[in-house]
Amino acid sequence: MDSKLIKKTDVLVIGCGIAGASAALEAAKCGLRVVVITKHSEPQESNTYYAQGGIVSLGPNDHPELLKNDIIQTGDGINNPEAVDILAEEGKSLVDSILIKELNIQFSRSSPEALDYAQEAGHTRRRILHIKDTTGQTIEERFIQTLQSYSNVTFLTGHTAVDLLTVPHHSKNPVSFYREPQCIGAYVLDNHAQKVKTIFAPCTILATGGCGAVFLYTSNPKGAIGDGYAMAYRAGARLVNMEYIQFHPTSLFHRDADGFLISETVRGEGARLKTREGRTFMDNYKMKEMAPRDEVTRAIYEEMTNSNSNYVYLDLASCAKVDIKKRFPNIYKTCREYGIDITKEPIPVVPAAHYCCGGIMVDVWGESSLKGLYSVGEVSCTGLHGANRLASTSLLEGLVWGVRTAKRIASRFDPKTSHKPSDIHEWYYPKKEEEIDPALINQDWLSIKSTMWNYAGIIRTTKRLERARADLDYLRHRIEKFYREATMEPKVVGLKHGIQVAQLITYAALGNPVSRGAHFIKN
C-alpha cells in the first residue's frame, strides 16, 4: 500500500456542519487527534451554513416539559422519549456554554439586556435564538475558525468519502471473518489528485448531513445527496425511518432561485399563505399558518393541485409584525435579486424536500450498530424527531449529540489496534478506466430526482412507490456497472451514493403502510 495514500488519526469526522464541527471540537479539547474531511473546497459548506431560522433554546415563560410536548406532538408520537428528554434538558446549557460563551456568537436581541426569541411552526412558545436570518452561517463560520486554531485538528477539504473501511470486509486476513465487524476508517477520494486515500481511525463519526438533493426540488445545497446513509448501509450499519422525509412548505418559486428557503420564522412574524387569487387557506387548521410542517406542506400541495398552479403566495408585506428589512435582511436581499420586493408584494413559494427524520440508528451516545462507527446530525437517527421534525431542533440536535458523542469516544478511547495497513486491501482501480460523459451523469441524476419527486414525494401511493422501485432498481444496475469501470471522480461517487439513498427511501416507504407525519401515503 502506497504510504503517501495512508493517514492515521484518533478520530475521523466526515462532514463539518454543526454536528461534525461540535464533535471535532469536543474531541480536540479532550486531546485526541482529529481529521475532518469535506468534499467541498470550503470547510464551511454544509446544510448548517444555509440554516436561516435559528436554534432552539428555552425562552421566557418556557420549560423543558413544554418543549418535549411540542417535539412529540409534531413527531406524531413515535419519538424516542429518551432522546427527547436529553435534548430538552441539556440543549439550553450547551447553547449557553458553547455557542454564546465559548464561540462568542452574538444572537439577535430584542433589547440590550434581552435575547430575541422567534417562534416557528409547531412551537407553543417563542424559543428560537437567531442571528436575523443567517443563523447557520454565523454558527458555522465561528466553529470553523475555532477548530482551525487547534493544532490537533486537520482539515482535508476537497476530499470525498467513498466507502467506510471495515473489517472483515476489506481485510486480507481470512481469520478476521470470525471477529465482530468493525469500522476502522474510510476510503477517501482526493478530488484533485483523483486518488483514493486510506484513512485509519479507531473511531469514525459520520456527520454528512441529509439527502434532500435526491429530490427534484429541495431546500438543501446540491451536495446533500445522502453519502453517509449509503456508506453506512453498505457497511452493514442499521438504518431506520428513512420513509420520513420532511418537505419544507416554503421555498422560493423562481426558475433561477435553486431552492432558496423562505424561513418558517417569516410565518412566525405574521406572514399568511394565500392562493394566487389572494385567498387565505390555512384557517381550517388548528394552528393555521403555524401548523406542523407536514400539514402546511400538504395544504399547499393540495391547493396547487386543485388550482392547477405551480406555486402559492406567502404574504409578509401586508401582514408583518416586524421591520421586514431589519428582521429578514438576507431573504429581502435575495428576493430583490430575483425581482421580488417582499415589503410590497407576496412571495411565490413551493414546497421542497428539506429534512430526513430517519437515518443511521444510534443510541443516546451516537454509537451505531457497527463497532467503531458513530453518527451525528441529520444523517443519524436518535429517534428525536419521530415521524416529523419540529422546526429548529436540527441545529440543537447536532450540537447536543456532537458533544455527547465526542465525550463518549474520549472516555473509552483505546489507541491500540490490531489492524495494520498491510492487512487491508488497497482501493481497486480498473485497468482501463472509462472516460466520464457528463451528459450521462446529468441524465441519471435527472431520472433519480424526477422519480423521487413524482413517485416518492409529498403524497405517496403504493402504485407510485412500486413504479419508483422498478425504475430505481433498473437504474441502479446501470450505475453500478458504470461505477466499476469509470474514472474515479466525485461525480461518479456521488451518483452511486444517490441511487442507493433513493432506493433506501423508496423501500422504506413501501414497507410502511401507515400514513404518519412526513410519510403520507394514500391508497
Protein backbone atom coordinates (compact mmCIF):
# COMPACT_ATOMS: atom_id res chain seq x y z
CA MET A 1 0.00 0.00 0.00
CA ASP A 2 1.39 3.39 -1.05
CA SER A 3 2.45 5.18 2.15
CA LYS A 4 1.59 8.55 0.60
CA LEU A 5 -2.03 7.46 0.41
CA ILE A 6 -2.24 6.35 4.06
CA LYS A 7 -3.17 8.55 7.02
CA LYS A 8 -3.78 7.63 10.65
CA THR A 9 -5.73 9.56 13.27
CA ASP A 10 -7.65 9.01 16.50
CA VAL A 11 -11.00 10.33 15.27
CA LEU A 12 -12.12 10.71 11.67
CA VAL A 13 -15.05 13.13 11.21
CA ILE A 14 -16.75 13.00 7.81
CA GLY A 15 -18.65 16.27 7.35
CA CYS A 16 -18.32 19.55 9.22
CA GLY A 17 -21.71 21.15 9.76
CA ILE A 18 -22.68 21.91 13.35
CA ALA A 19 -22.82 18.21 14.27
CA GLY A 20 -19.41 17.28 12.86
CA ALA A 21 -17.82 20.55 13.98
CA SER A 22 -19.06 20.26 17.57
CA ALA A 23 -17.88 16.63 17.72
CA ALA A 24 -14.47 17.59 16.32
CA LEU A 25 -14.13 20.49 18.74
CA GLU A 26 -15.02 18.41 21.79
CA ALA A 27 -12.67 15.60 20.73
CA ALA A 28 -9.86 18.10 20.15
CA LYS A 29 -10.42 19.64 23.59
CA CYS A 30 -10.08 16.13 25.03
CA GLY A 31 -6.63 15.86 23.42
CA LEU A 32 -7.48 13.48 20.58
CA ARG A 33 -6.06 13.82 17.08
CA VAL A 34 -8.88 14.69 14.71
CA VAL A 35 -9.12 14.64 10.92
CA VAL A 36 -12.15 16.40 9.42
CA ILE A 37 -12.91 15.77 5.77
CA THR A 38 -15.35 17.50 3.46
CA LYS A 39 -15.94 17.00 -0.25
CA HIS A 40 -16.23 20.76 -0.73
CA SER A 41 -13.32 23.15 -1.29
CA GLU A 42 -14.53 25.37 1.57
CA PRO A 43 -14.91 23.74 5.02
CA GLN A 44 -17.99 25.78 5.97
CA GLU A 45 -20.08 24.46 3.05
CA SER A 46 -22.82 22.39 4.71
CA ASN A 47 -26.53 22.27 5.44
CA THR A 48 -25.81 24.22 8.63
CA TYR A 49 -24.43 27.14 6.66
CA TYR A 50 -27.80 27.67 4.94
CA ALA A 51 -29.97 27.32 8.06
CA GLN A 52 -31.89 30.60 8.36
CA GLY A 53 -34.40 30.18 11.16
CA GLY A 54 -32.35 29.56 14.27
CA ILE A 55 -31.64 27.13 17.07
CA VAL A 56 -33.99 26.01 19.83
CA SER A 57 -33.28 27.17 23.36
CA LEU A 58 -35.76 27.99 26.13
CA GLY A 59 -37.45 31.37 26.05
CA PRO A 60 -39.32 33.42 28.66
CA ASN A 61 -42.19 31.56 30.36
CA ASP A 62 -40.83 28.33 28.89
CA HIS A 63 -39.94 24.95 30.37
CA PRO A 64 -38.30 21.71 29.14
CA GLU A 65 -41.60 19.87 29.51
CA LEU A 66 -43.31 22.30 27.12
CA LEU A 67 -40.55 21.74 24.56
CA LYS A 68 -40.84 17.96 24.97
CA ASN A 69 -44.58 18.11 24.35
CA ASP A 70 -44.10 20.18 21.19
CA ILE A 71 -41.46 17.77 19.84
CA ILE A 72 -43.65 14.72 20.46
CA GLN A 73 -46.79 16.38 19.15
CA THR A 74 -45.03 17.31 15.91
CA GLY A 75 -43.35 13.88 15.68
CA ASP A 76 -46.76 12.19 15.73
CA GLY A 77 -45.99 10.41 18.99
CA ILE A 78 -43.35 7.96 17.75
CA ASN A 79 -40.34 9.88 19.08
CA ASN A 80 -37.71 8.21 21.24
CA PRO A 81 -38.60 9.54 24.74
CA GLU A 82 -35.02 9.28 25.98
CA ALA A 83 -33.69 11.38 23.09
CA VAL A 84 -36.44 13.97 23.60
CA ASP A 85 -35.55 14.23 27.29
CA ILE A 86 -31.85 14.69 26.53
CA LEU A 87 -32.41 17.48 24.01
CA ALA A 88 -34.88 19.37 26.22
CA GLU A 89 -32.82 19.01 29.39
CA GLU A 90 -29.28 19.54 28.01
CA GLY A 91 -29.82 21.76 24.99
CA LYS A 92 -30.05 25.20 26.58
CA SER A 93 -26.95 24.74 28.73
CA LEU A 94 -24.88 23.74 25.68
CA VAL A 95 -26.16 26.69 23.67
CA ASP A 96 -25.16 28.96 26.56
CA SER A 97 -21.78 27.38 27.30
CA ILE A 98 -20.52 26.61 23.78
CA LEU A 99 -22.25 28.91 21.32
CA ILE A 100 -22.65 32.01 23.47
CA LYS A 101 -19.70 31.82 25.89
CA GLU A 102 -17.03 29.78 24.10
CA LEU A 103 -17.68 30.79 20.48
CA ASN A 104 -18.96 34.25 21.41
CA ILE A 105 -21.87 34.11 18.98
CA GLN A 106 -23.94 37.28 19.16
CA PHE A 107 -27.56 36.21 18.81
CA SER A 108 -30.10 38.89 17.94
CA ARG A 109 -31.53 40.87 20.85
CA SER A 110 -34.88 42.48 21.46
CA SER A 111 -33.10 44.95 23.77
CA PRO A 112 -29.53 45.38 25.08
CA GLU A 113 -30.48 43.24 28.07
CA ALA A 114 -32.60 40.54 26.39
CA LEU A 115 -32.15 37.96 23.65
CA ASP A 116 -34.78 37.92 20.91
CA TYR A 117 -36.71 34.66 20.68
CA ALA A 118 -38.58 33.78 17.48
CA GLN A 119 -41.45 31.32 17.05
CA GLU A 120 -41.82 28.72 14.33
CA ALA A 121 -44.41 26.15 13.31
CA GLY A 122 -45.29 23.57 15.96
CA HIS A 123 -43.84 25.60 18.85
CA THR A 124 -46.17 26.85 21.57
CA ARG A 125 -43.60 29.35 22.83
CA ARG A 126 -41.13 31.85 21.38
CA ARG A 127 -37.88 29.96 21.99
CA ILE A 128 -35.80 30.16 18.78
CA LEU A 129 -32.50 32.03 19.08
CA HIS A 130 -31.39 33.54 15.80
CA ILE A 131 -28.98 35.93 14.14
CA LYS A 132 -31.55 37.70 11.99
CA ASP A 133 -31.99 35.22 9.11
CA THR A 134 -28.38 33.99 8.79
CA THR A 135 -28.11 31.93 11.96
CA GLY A 136 -26.48 28.85 10.46
CA GLN A 137 -23.90 30.83 8.53
CA THR A 138 -22.65 32.64 11.63
CA ILE A 139 -22.55 29.47 13.76
CA GLU A 140 -20.71 27.53 11.07
CA GLU A 141 -18.11 30.22 10.47
CA ARG A 142 -17.34 30.55 14.18
CA PHE A 143 -16.95 26.77 14.57
CA ILE A 144 -14.55 26.56 11.64
CA GLN A 145 -12.48 29.50 12.91
CA THR A 146 -12.20 27.89 16.34
CA LEU A 147 -11.32 24.44 15.00
CA GLN A 148 -8.58 25.89 12.81
CA SER A 149 -6.87 27.21 15.95
CA TYR A 150 -6.31 23.66 17.27
CA SER A 151 -3.02 22.02 16.27
CA ASN A 152 -4.52 18.53 16.71
CA VAL A 153 -7.27 19.16 14.12
CA THR A 154 -6.52 18.59 10.44
CA PHE A 155 -8.92 19.67 7.69
CA LEU A 156 -8.93 17.77 4.39
CA THR A 157 -11.09 19.84 2.08
CA GLY A 158 -11.85 18.64 -1.43
CA HIS A 159 -11.92 15.03 -0.22
CA THR A 160 -14.92 12.80 -0.95
CA ALA A 161 -15.72 9.84 1.30
CA VAL A 162 -16.06 6.80 -0.95
CA ASP A 163 -16.61 3.91 1.47
CA LEU A 164 -16.26 3.12 5.12
CA LEU A 165 -13.26 0.92 5.83
CA THR A 166 -14.50 -2.19 7.62
CA VAL A 167 -13.15 -5.44 8.94
CA PRO A 168 -13.62 -8.14 7.85
CA HIS A 169 -14.94 -6.85 4.51
CA HIS A 170 -11.74 -5.04 3.48
CA SER A 171 -9.32 -7.32 5.30
CA LYS A 172 -6.84 -9.61 3.58
CA ASN A 173 -6.82 -11.90 6.60
CA PRO A 174 -9.48 -14.69 6.39
CA VAL A 175 -9.34 -15.17 10.17
CA SER A 176 -10.86 -11.70 10.66
CA PHE A 177 -14.21 -13.06 9.45
CA TYR A 178 -14.63 -14.72 12.84
CA ARG A 179 -14.39 -11.41 14.68
CA GLU A 180 -17.02 -8.77 15.35
CA PRO A 181 -17.44 -6.44 12.33
CA GLN A 182 -15.77 -3.09 12.91
CA CYS A 183 -15.30 0.25 11.18
CA ILE A 184 -11.64 1.30 11.20
CA GLY A 185 -11.76 4.41 9.00
CA ALA A 186 -12.63 5.21 5.41
CA TYR A 187 -11.52 5.23 1.81
CA VAL A 188 -11.41 8.88 0.75
CA LEU A 189 -11.01 10.31 -2.75
CA ASP A 190 -8.67 13.26 -3.18
CA ASN A 191 -10.80 15.20 -5.67
CA HIS A 192 -7.85 17.00 -7.23
CA ALA A 193 -5.40 14.09 -7.49
CA GLN A 194 -8.17 11.58 -8.32
CA LYS A 195 -6.54 9.07 -5.99
CA VAL A 196 -8.18 7.23 -3.12
CA LYS A 197 -6.53 7.59 0.28
CA THR A 198 -6.96 5.18 3.17
CA ILE A 199 -7.57 6.92 6.49
CA PHE A 200 -7.29 4.66 9.53
CA ALA A 201 -9.14 5.67 12.70
CA PRO A 202 -10.41 3.58 15.64
CA CYS A 203 -13.39 5.97 15.79
CA THR A 204 -15.21 7.29 12.73
CA ILE A 205 -18.02 9.85 13.00
CA LEU A 206 -20.41 10.28 10.09
CA ALA A 207 -21.77 13.83 10.01
CA THR A 208 -22.61 14.04 6.31
CA GLY A 209 -26.00 15.75 6.61
CA GLY A 210 -29.18 14.88 4.76
CA CYS A 211 -30.40 13.71 1.37
CA GLY A 212 -32.80 16.36 0.07
CA ALA A 213 -30.89 16.67 -3.21
CA VAL A 214 -32.12 13.25 -4.40
CA PHE A 215 -35.45 15.05 -4.99
CA LEU A 216 -36.14 17.38 -7.91
CA TYR A 217 -36.99 20.31 -5.62
CA THR A 218 -35.09 20.80 -2.39
CA SER A 219 -34.04 23.49 0.07
CA ASN A 220 -30.75 21.64 0.62
CA PRO A 221 -27.45 22.50 -1.08
CA LYS A 222 -26.55 20.42 -4.14
CA GLY A 223 -24.13 18.24 -2.18
CA ALA A 224 -26.81 16.89 0.19
CA ILE A 225 -27.21 13.56 -1.58
CA GLY A 226 -27.06 11.28 1.46
CA ASP A 227 -23.47 9.97 1.19
CA GLY A 228 -23.45 8.84 4.82
CA TYR A 229 -26.63 6.79 4.56
CA ALA A 230 -25.30 4.90 1.55
CA MET A 231 -21.86 4.21 3.06
CA ALA A 232 -23.31 3.07 6.39
CA TYR A 233 -25.82 0.80 4.65
CA ARG A 234 -23.12 -0.88 2.58
CA ALA A 235 -21.00 -1.31 5.71
CA GLY A 236 -23.84 -3.13 7.47
CA ALA A 237 -24.99 -0.49 9.97
CA ARG A 238 -28.67 -0.38 10.85
CA LEU A 239 -30.82 2.36 9.26
CA VAL A 240 -34.37 3.25 10.34
CA ASN A 241 -37.25 5.63 9.50
CA MET A 242 -35.95 6.52 6.03
CA GLU A 243 -39.51 6.97 4.77
CA TYR A 244 -39.99 10.08 6.90
CA ILE A 245 -38.79 12.79 4.53
CA GLN A 246 -39.91 16.22 5.65
CA PHE A 247 -40.74 18.78 2.99
CA HIS A 248 -40.36 22.44 3.85
CA PRO A 249 -43.54 24.28 2.90
CA THR A 250 -41.94 27.41 1.53
CA SER A 251 -39.02 27.64 -0.85
CA LEU A 252 -38.83 30.49 -3.31
CA PHE A 253 -40.53 29.68 -6.62
CA HIS A 254 -38.32 31.10 -9.35
CA ARG A 255 -36.60 29.38 -12.25
CA ASP A 256 -33.19 30.69 -11.14
CA ALA A 257 -33.59 30.52 -7.35
CA ASP A 258 -32.36 26.92 -6.96
CA GLY A 259 -34.42 26.09 -3.87
CA PHE A 260 -33.78 29.21 -1.80
CA LEU A 261 -35.52 28.72 1.54
CA ILE A 262 -38.05 31.17 2.94
CA SER A 263 -37.67 30.59 6.67
CA GLU A 264 -40.57 29.42 8.78
CA THR A 265 -39.95 32.38 11.05
CA VAL A 266 -41.47 34.53 8.29
CA ARG A 267 -44.82 32.95 9.16
CA GLY A 268 -43.90 33.24 12.81
CA GLU A 269 -43.74 37.01 12.30
CA GLY A 270 -47.22 37.16 10.78
CA ALA A 271 -46.97 36.15 7.09
CA ARG A 272 -50.04 34.41 5.63
CA LEU A 273 -50.28 31.77 2.94
CA LYS A 274 -52.60 32.73 0.09
CA THR A 275 -53.75 31.42 -3.26
CA ARG A 276 -52.75 33.26 -6.40
CA GLU A 277 -56.17 34.96 -6.19
CA GLY A 278 -55.36 36.25 -2.69
CA ARG A 279 -57.49 33.84 -0.60
CA THR A 280 -56.04 32.53 2.68
CA PHE A 281 -56.36 28.75 3.02
CA MET A 282 -54.85 27.70 6.36
CA ASP A 283 -57.80 28.85 8.50
CA ASN A 284 -59.22 25.32 8.80
CA TYR A 285 -56.10 24.08 10.61
CA LYS A 286 -55.77 24.16 14.39
CA MET A 287 -52.60 26.28 14.39
CA LYS A 288 -53.30 27.91 11.00
CA GLU A 289 -50.02 29.11 9.44
CA MET A 290 -48.10 27.73 12.44
CA ALA A 291 -49.31 24.15 11.98
CA PRO A 292 -46.56 21.48 11.74
CA ARG A 293 -44.62 21.39 8.50
CA ASP A 294 -46.20 18.23 7.12
CA GLU A 295 -49.70 19.70 7.43
CA VAL A 296 -48.71 23.01 5.86
CA THR A 297 -46.86 21.27 3.04
CA ARG A 298 -49.81 19.04 2.15
CA ALA A 299 -52.18 22.00 2.33
CA ILE A 300 -50.03 23.90 -0.18
CA TYR A 301 -49.66 20.82 -2.37
CA GLU A 302 -53.43 20.24 -2.42
CA GLU A 303 -54.07 23.91 -3.15
CA MET A 304 -51.64 23.82 -6.05
CA THR A 305 -53.19 20.63 -7.40
CA ASN A 306 -56.78 21.88 -7.11
CA SER A 307 -55.98 25.19 -8.80
CA ASN A 308 -53.56 23.69 -11.35
CA SER A 309 -50.90 26.13 -10.17
CA ASN A 310 -47.13 25.78 -9.75
CA TYR A 311 -46.99 27.87 -6.58
CA VAL A 312 -48.89 29.76 -3.88
CA TYR A 313 -48.13 33.10 -2.24
CA LEU A 314 -46.63 33.89 1.15
CA ASP A 315 -47.77 37.38 2.08
CA LEU A 316 -45.48 39.14 4.53
CA ALA A 317 -45.89 42.61 3.08
CA SER A 318 -49.45 43.22 4.34
CA CYS A 319 -49.23 41.06 7.49
CA ALA A 320 -45.80 41.68 9.02
CA LYS A 321 -45.41 42.39 12.72
CA VAL A 322 -41.77 43.44 12.31
CA ASP A 323 -39.48 45.66 10.27
CA ILE A 324 -39.04 43.30 7.31
CA LYS A 325 -35.68 44.59 6.08
CA LYS A 326 -34.21 44.54 9.56
CA ARG A 327 -35.59 41.14 10.63
CA PHE A 328 -35.04 39.30 7.33
CA PRO A 329 -32.18 41.09 5.53
CA ASN A 330 -30.91 38.02 3.66
CA ILE A 331 -34.35 36.95 2.46
CA TYR A 332 -35.13 40.54 1.44
CA LYS A 333 -31.83 40.89 -0.42
CA THR A 334 -32.13 37.54 -2.19
CA CYS A 335 -35.73 38.07 -3.27
CA ARG A 336 -34.83 41.52 -4.57
CA GLU A 337 -32.18 39.88 -6.75
CA TYR A 338 -34.99 37.92 -8.37
CA GLY A 339 -37.18 41.00 -8.82
CA ILE A 340 -39.42 40.50 -5.76
CA ASP A 341 -39.79 43.23 -3.13
CA ILE A 342 -41.13 41.38 -0.08
CA THR A 343 -42.01 44.68 1.63
CA LYS A 344 -44.51 45.43 -1.14
CA GLU A 345 -45.62 42.15 -2.68
CA PRO A 346 -46.19 38.50 -1.71
CA ILE A 347 -43.53 35.83 -2.26
CA PRO A 348 -44.25 32.93 -4.67
CA VAL A 349 -43.41 29.71 -2.82
CA VAL A 350 -43.47 25.95 -3.37
CA PRO A 351 -42.68 23.01 -1.05
CA ALA A 352 -39.24 21.39 -1.27
CA ALA A 353 -37.53 18.32 0.20
CA HIS A 354 -35.93 19.53 3.40
CA TYR A 355 -35.02 17.02 6.10
CA CYS A 356 -34.69 13.27 6.66
CA CYS A 357 -36.11 12.28 10.06
CA GLY A 358 -34.57 8.81 9.82
CA GLY A 359 -31.03 7.65 9.24
CA ILE A 360 -28.30 5.59 10.87
CA MET A 361 -29.73 4.20 14.08
CA VAL A 362 -27.67 5.39 17.06
CA ASP A 363 -28.02 5.21 20.81
CA VAL A 364 -28.09 8.25 23.07
CA TRP A 365 -24.28 8.49 22.78
CA GLY A 366 -24.18 8.48 18.98
CA GLU A 367 -22.99 4.87 18.65
CA SER A 368 -24.26 2.92 15.65
CA SER A 369 -24.81 -0.84 15.43
CA LEU A 370 -21.37 -1.16 13.79
CA LYS A 371 -18.45 -1.12 16.21
CA GLY A 372 -16.22 1.93 15.74
CA LEU A 373 -18.84 3.88 13.77
CA TYR A 374 -20.65 6.87 15.24
CA SER A 375 -23.14 9.18 13.61
CA VAL A 376 -24.38 12.68 14.47
CA GLY A 377 -26.74 15.22 12.98
CA GLU A 378 -29.23 14.64 10.19
CA VAL A 379 -27.52 11.50 8.88
CA SER A 380 -28.17 9.83 12.23
CA CYS A 381 -31.44 8.74 13.81
CA THR A 382 -31.62 9.22 17.56
CA GLY A 383 -35.41 8.93 17.35
CA LEU A 384 -35.71 12.54 18.48
CA HIS A 385 -37.87 13.63 15.55
CA GLY A 386 -40.20 10.67 15.30
CA ALA A 387 -42.24 10.95 12.11
CA ASN A 388 -41.76 14.68 11.61
CA ARG A 389 -39.16 17.20 12.83
CA LEU A 390 -40.09 20.19 14.96
CA ALA A 391 -38.66 23.37 13.44
CA SER A 392 -35.16 24.49 14.52
CA THR A 393 -34.43 21.37 16.56
CA SER A 394 -31.93 20.14 13.95
CA LEU A 395 -29.12 22.56 14.83
CA LEU A 396 -29.60 21.82 18.51
CA GLU A 397 -29.59 18.07 17.92
CA GLY A 398 -26.31 18.40 16.02
CA LEU A 399 -24.77 20.38 18.88
CA VAL A 400 -26.02 18.10 21.65
CA TRP A 401 -25.08 14.80 20.03
CA GLY A 402 -21.84 16.14 18.59
CA VAL A 403 -20.68 16.94 22.11
CA ARG A 404 -22.10 13.75 23.67
CA THR A 405 -20.54 11.52 21.03
CA ALA A 406 -17.08 13.06 21.35
CA LYS A 407 -17.21 12.78 25.14
CA ARG A 408 -18.18 9.11 24.83
CA ILE A 409 -15.28 8.44 22.47
CA ALA A 410 -12.79 10.25 24.71
CA SER A 411 -13.93 8.38 27.83
CA ARG A 412 -13.40 4.99 26.16
CA PHE A 413 -10.58 5.75 23.76
CA ASP A 414 -8.06 2.97 23.26
CA PRO A 415 -5.24 3.85 20.83
CA LYS A 416 -4.24 0.21 20.40
CA THR A 417 -5.35 -1.52 17.23
CA SER A 418 -4.81 -4.99 15.84
CA HIS A 419 -5.31 -3.81 12.27
CA LYS A 420 -2.25 -2.97 10.18
CA PRO A 421 -2.33 -1.13 6.84
CA SER A 422 -0.66 -4.16 5.27
CA ASP A 423 -3.69 -6.26 6.29
CA ILE A 424 -6.14 -4.05 4.36
CA HIS A 425 -6.85 -4.08 0.65
CA GLU A 426 -5.82 -1.10 -1.40
CA TRP A 427 -8.51 0.67 -3.38
CA TYR A 428 -9.24 -1.08 -6.66
CA TYR A 429 -8.79 0.79 -9.95
CA PRO A 430 -9.92 -0.78 -13.23
CA LYS A 431 -7.10 -1.49 -15.69
CA LYS A 432 -8.87 0.53 -18.37
CA GLU A 433 -10.81 3.42 -16.92
CA GLU A 434 -13.83 4.68 -18.83
CA GLU A 435 -13.96 8.41 -19.55
CA ILE A 436 -16.80 10.34 -17.91
CA ASP A 437 -19.60 11.63 -20.12
CA PRO A 438 -21.27 14.49 -18.17
CA ALA A 439 -24.46 14.13 -20.22
CA LEU A 440 -24.95 10.56 -18.94
CA ILE A 441 -24.38 11.53 -15.32
CA ASN A 442 -26.73 14.51 -15.61
CA GLN A 443 -29.43 12.34 -17.18
CA ASP A 444 -29.09 9.67 -14.48
CA TRP A 445 -29.45 12.33 -11.81
CA LEU A 446 -32.49 13.81 -13.54
CA SER A 447 -34.06 10.35 -13.59
CA ILE A 448 -33.39 9.84 -9.88
CA LYS A 449 -34.67 13.27 -8.85
CA SER A 450 -37.78 13.16 -11.04
CA THR A 451 -38.66 9.64 -9.90
CA MET A 452 -38.33 10.58 -6.24
CA TRP A 453 -40.35 13.79 -6.63
CA ASN A 454 -43.20 12.28 -8.65
CA TYR A 455 -43.48 8.83 -7.06
CA ALA A 456 -41.96 9.07 -3.54
CA GLY A 457 -42.60 12.71 -2.68
CA ILE A 458 -45.12 14.69 -0.67
CA ILE A 459 -48.15 12.45 -1.27
CA ARG A 460 -47.42 8.79 -1.95
CA THR A 461 -49.45 5.81 -3.16
CA THR A 462 -48.47 2.15 -3.36
CA LYS A 463 -48.64 2.24 -7.15
CA ARG A 464 -46.35 5.27 -7.35
CA LEU A 465 -43.86 3.71 -4.96
CA GLU A 466 -43.86 0.44 -6.88
CA ARG A 467 -43.13 2.36 -10.06
CA ALA A 468 -40.31 4.16 -8.27
CA ARG A 469 -38.86 0.87 -7.04
CA ALA A 470 -38.88 -0.66 -10.53
CA ASP A 471 -37.33 2.38 -12.19
CA LEU A 472 -34.65 2.83 -9.50
CA ASP A 473 -33.73 -0.88 -9.48
CA TYR A 474 -33.12 -0.76 -13.23
CA LEU A 475 -31.12 2.45 -12.94
CA ARG A 476 -29.05 1.06 -10.05
CA HIS A 477 -27.90 -1.84 -12.22
CA ARG A 478 -26.65 0.53 -14.93
CA ILE A 479 -24.96 2.89 -12.46
CA GLU A 480 -23.15 0.05 -10.64
CA LYS A 481 -21.67 -1.19 -13.92
CA PHE A 482 -20.64 2.36 -14.83
CA TYR A 483 -19.08 2.89 -11.36
CA ARG A 484 -16.91 -0.24 -11.62
CA GLU A 485 -15.48 0.84 -14.96
CA ALA A 486 -15.29 4.64 -14.73
CA THR A 487 -12.53 7.05 -13.81
CA MET A 488 -12.64 7.83 -10.09
CA GLU A 489 -14.30 11.25 -9.80
CA PRO A 490 -16.56 12.88 -7.17
CA LYS A 491 -19.50 12.92 -9.61
CA VAL A 492 -19.26 9.16 -10.09
CA VAL A 493 -19.03 8.51 -6.34
CA GLY A 494 -21.99 10.82 -5.72
CA LEU A 495 -24.11 9.08 -8.32
CA LYS A 496 -23.54 5.71 -6.66
CA HIS A 497 -24.44 7.15 -3.27
CA GLY A 498 -27.51 8.94 -4.64
CA ILE A 499 -29.15 5.95 -6.30
CA GLN A 500 -28.70 3.86 -3.15
CA VAL A 501 -30.24 6.56 -0.96
CA ALA A 502 -33.21 6.90 -3.32
CA GLN A 503 -33.76 3.15 -3.02
CA LEU A 504 -33.47 3.23 0.77
CA ILE A 505 -36.21 5.87 0.96
CA THR A 506 -38.47 4.10 -1.53
CA TYR A 507 -38.14 0.65 0.01
CA ALA A 508 -38.78 2.06 3.50
CA ALA A 509 -41.89 3.87 2.23
CA LEU A 510 -43.20 0.72 0.57
CA GLY A 511 -42.61 -1.25 3.77
CA ASN A 512 -44.69 1.11 5.92
CA PRO A 513 -48.43 1.15 5.09
CA VAL A 514 -49.23 3.53 7.96
CA SER A 515 -49.64 7.16 6.92
CA ARG A 516 -47.98 9.21 9.63
CA GLY A 517 -46.15 12.53 9.87
CA ALA A 518 -43.81 13.13 6.95
CA HIS A 519 -44.76 9.78 5.38
CA PHE A 520 -48.17 10.47 3.86
CA ILE A 521 -49.48 7.54 1.87
CA LYS A 522 -52.98 7.10 0.48
CA ASN A 523 -54.29 4.04 -1.34
